[in-house]
Amino acid sequence: MTTPVCPSYAGYRFPAEDISHAVWLYFRFPLGLRMVEEMLAARGIIVSHESVRQWALKFGQDFANQIRQRLPCAGDKWHLDEVALKIAGQKHWLWRAVDQDGIVLDVLVQSRRDKSAAKRLLRKLLKRQCRAPRVLITDGTVNLFGRG
């Protein structure tokens, strides 16, 4: 069995604590690169958003895995919703599943609105959560079993 390798921060201008804090902020909260840059500047750490992006690419997967493991288990009551969006002038559909505590379980964006999209989202959810919900609530527009 191999032991997990800690990421090497050697060769970087900033201390490992600053780099890890920036990457943690980026993956833990829904912040953009420039927001992380501003938050670090408020602490006296002047760094560009491009550096934060490169750190996130190199060290981010470990942080994302740790954060995902520490999240609480999803509840047994799921809300499935859909919203119409315009992306680059084209209409797309955002499918989202949230549990009763507001934890986003999964998101799917696609250009077509049909029942196969809802079924695809549910299949992904069931596979990832490893259990079915006790209650599934929709807003009435999500059509899982009829014509789509």
Protein backbone atom coordinates (compact mmCIF):
# COMPACT_ATOMS: atom_id res chain seq x y z
CA MET A 1 0.00 0.00 0.00
CA THR A 2 1.38 3.38 -0.94
CA THR A 3 1.20 6.36 1.36
CA PRO A 4 -0.50 9.50 0.08
CA VAL A 5 1.92 12.10 -1.18
CA CYS A 6 1.51 15.64 0.16
CA PRO A 7 1.64 18.29 -2.55
CA SER A 8 5.03 19.94 -2.87
CA TYR A 9 5.00 23.70 -2.46
CA ALA A 10 8.72 23.95 -3.19
CA GLY A 11 9.71 26.56 -5.71
CA TYR A 12 6.80 28.89 -5.05
CA ARG A 13 7.26 32.47 -3.92
CA PHE A 14 4.51 32.29 -1.32
CA PRO A 15 4.50 30.11 1.81
CA ALA A 16 2.57 26.87 1.74
CA GLU A 17 0.03 28.25 4.24
CA ASP A 18 -0.90 31.12 1.91
CA ILE A 19 -1.21 28.87 -1.12
CA SER A 20 -3.29 26.29 0.70
CA HIS A 21 -5.53 28.99 2.19
CA ALA A 22 -6.17 30.48 -1.26
CA VAL A 23 -6.99 27.10 -2.78
CA TRP A 24 -9.20 26.19 0.18
CA LEU A 25 -11.15 29.46 -0.16
CA TYR A 26 -11.66 28.86 -3.87
CA PHE A 27 -12.99 25.31 -3.47
CA ARG A 28 -14.85 25.66 -0.18
CA PHE A 29 -16.96 28.71 -1.00
CA PRO A 30 -18.56 29.79 -4.27
CA LEU A 31 -15.93 32.45 -4.91
CA GLY A 32 -14.34 33.58 -8.13
CA LEU A 33 -10.61 33.91 -8.62
CA ARG A 34 -10.74 37.68 -8.26
CA MET A 35 -12.70 37.41 -5.01
CA VAL A 36 -10.03 35.11 -3.58
CA GLU A 37 -7.42 37.61 -4.76
CA GLU A 38 -9.25 40.41 -2.90
CA MET A 39 -9.67 38.34 0.27
CA LEU A 40 -5.97 37.58 0.32
CA ALA A 41 -5.18 41.27 -0.30
CA ALA A 42 -7.27 42.13 2.76
CA ARG A 43 -4.92 39.87 4.75
CA GLY A 44 -1.87 41.60 3.28
CA ILE A 45 -1.05 38.93 0.68
CA ILE A 46 -0.73 40.49 -2.76
CA VAL A 47 -1.24 37.79 -5.38
CA SER A 48 -2.80 37.78 -8.85
CA HIS A 49 -5.92 35.86 -9.75
CA GLU A 50 -3.89 33.99 -12.35
CA SER A 51 -1.63 32.60 -9.61
CA VAL A 52 -4.71 31.48 -7.67
CA ARG A 53 -5.99 29.76 -10.84
CA GLN A 54 -2.70 27.92 -11.35
CA TRP A 55 -2.60 26.87 -7.68
CA ALA A 56 -6.18 25.63 -7.94
CA LEU A 57 -5.28 23.54 -10.98
CA LYS A 58 -2.23 22.02 -9.31
CA PHE A 59 -3.38 21.58 -5.70
CA GLY A 60 -7.15 21.80 -5.99
CA GLN A 61 -8.12 18.17 -6.39
CA ASP A 62 -6.81 17.24 -2.93
CA PHE A 63 -8.76 20.09 -1.33
CA ALA A 64 -11.91 19.24 -3.27
CA ASN A 65 -11.69 15.60 -2.17
CA GLN A 66 -11.21 16.55 1.48
CA ILE A 67 -14.09 19.02 1.40
CA ARG A 68 -16.38 16.48 -0.27
CA GLN A 69 -15.54 13.86 2.38
CA ARG A 70 -16.32 16.28 5.22
CA LEU A 71 -19.69 17.35 3.86
CA PRO A 72 -22.66 15.98 5.78
CA CYS A 73 -24.62 13.13 4.26
CA ALA A 74 -27.46 14.19 2.02
CA GLY A 75 -30.93 14.19 3.48
CA ASP A 76 -33.69 11.85 2.42
CA LYS A 77 -35.93 14.58 0.97
CA TRP A 78 -34.82 15.86 -2.42
CA HIS A 79 -36.10 18.85 -4.40
CA LEU A 80 -35.71 18.61 -8.19
CA ASP A 81 -36.06 21.86 -10.10
CA GLU A 82 -35.45 23.26 -13.57
CA VAL A 83 -34.72 26.79 -14.74
CA ALA A 84 -34.39 28.28 -18.22
CA LEU A 85 -31.12 30.16 -18.84
CA LYS A 86 -29.62 32.07 -21.73
CA ILE A 87 -25.99 31.19 -22.35
CA ALA A 88 -24.33 33.03 -25.24
CA GLY A 89 -27.78 33.94 -26.56
CA GLN A 90 -29.03 30.34 -26.64
CA LYS A 91 -31.68 28.92 -24.33
CA HIS A 92 -30.45 26.19 -22.00
CA TRP A 93 -32.05 24.30 -19.13
CA LEU A 94 -30.51 24.03 -15.68
CA TRP A 95 -31.60 20.96 -13.73
CA ARG A 96 -30.72 21.00 -10.04
CA ALA A 97 -31.28 18.65 -7.12
CA VAL A 98 -31.13 19.96 -3.55
CA ASP A 99 -31.79 18.17 -0.27
CA GLN A 100 -33.94 19.51 2.59
CA ASP A 101 -30.94 21.24 4.20
CA GLY A 102 -30.09 23.20 1.05
CA ILE A 103 -27.07 21.12 0.05
CA VAL A 104 -26.82 21.01 -3.74
CA LEU A 105 -26.63 17.35 -4.72
CA ASP A 106 -26.10 17.72 -8.46
CA VAL A 107 -26.51 20.10 -11.38
CA LEU A 108 -27.04 19.42 -15.09
CA VAL A 109 -27.12 22.04 -17.87
CA GLN A 110 -28.22 21.13 -21.38
CA SER A 111 -29.76 22.74 -24.42
CA ARG A 112 -32.79 20.41 -24.66
CA ARG A 113 -35.68 20.08 -22.26
CA ASP A 114 -36.96 16.53 -22.18
CA LYS A 115 -37.68 13.76 -19.74
CA SER A 116 -34.41 12.01 -20.53
CA ALA A 117 -32.59 14.98 -18.96
CA ALA A 118 -34.46 14.53 -15.69
CA LYS A 119 -33.88 10.79 -15.78
CA ARG A 120 -30.17 11.32 -16.49
CA LEU A 121 -29.91 13.65 -13.50
CA LEU A 122 -31.69 11.16 -11.25
CA ARG A 123 -29.50 8.28 -12.43
CA LYS A 124 -26.39 10.32 -11.63
CA LEU A 125 -27.81 11.25 -8.24
CA LEU A 126 -28.75 7.73 -7.28
CA LYS A 127 -25.35 6.43 -8.35
CA ARG A 128 -23.48 9.11 -6.39
CA GLN A 129 -25.68 9.04 -3.27
CA CYS A 130 -25.97 5.22 -3.23
CA ARG A 131 -29.54 5.40 -1.96
CA ALA A 132 -32.93 6.59 -3.08
CA PRO A 133 -34.69 9.54 -1.44
CA ARG A 134 -37.64 9.00 0.87
CA VAL A 135 -39.47 11.92 -0.78
CA LEU A 136 -38.86 13.54 -4.18
CA ILE A 137 -40.42 16.99 -4.64
CA THR A 138 -40.73 18.71 -8.03
CA ASP A 139 -42.24 22.05 -8.98
CA GLY A 140 -44.67 20.43 -11.39
CA THR A 141 -42.76 21.31 -14.54
CA VAL A 142 -40.35 18.42 -14.14
CA ASN A 143 -41.94 15.56 -16.03
CA LEU A 144 -40.24 12.28 -15.16
CA PHE A 145 -42.70 9.74 -16.41
CA GLY A 146 -44.92 11.36 -19.04
CA ARG A 147 -44.16 12.74 -22.46
CA GLY A 148 -41.37 15.30 -22.50
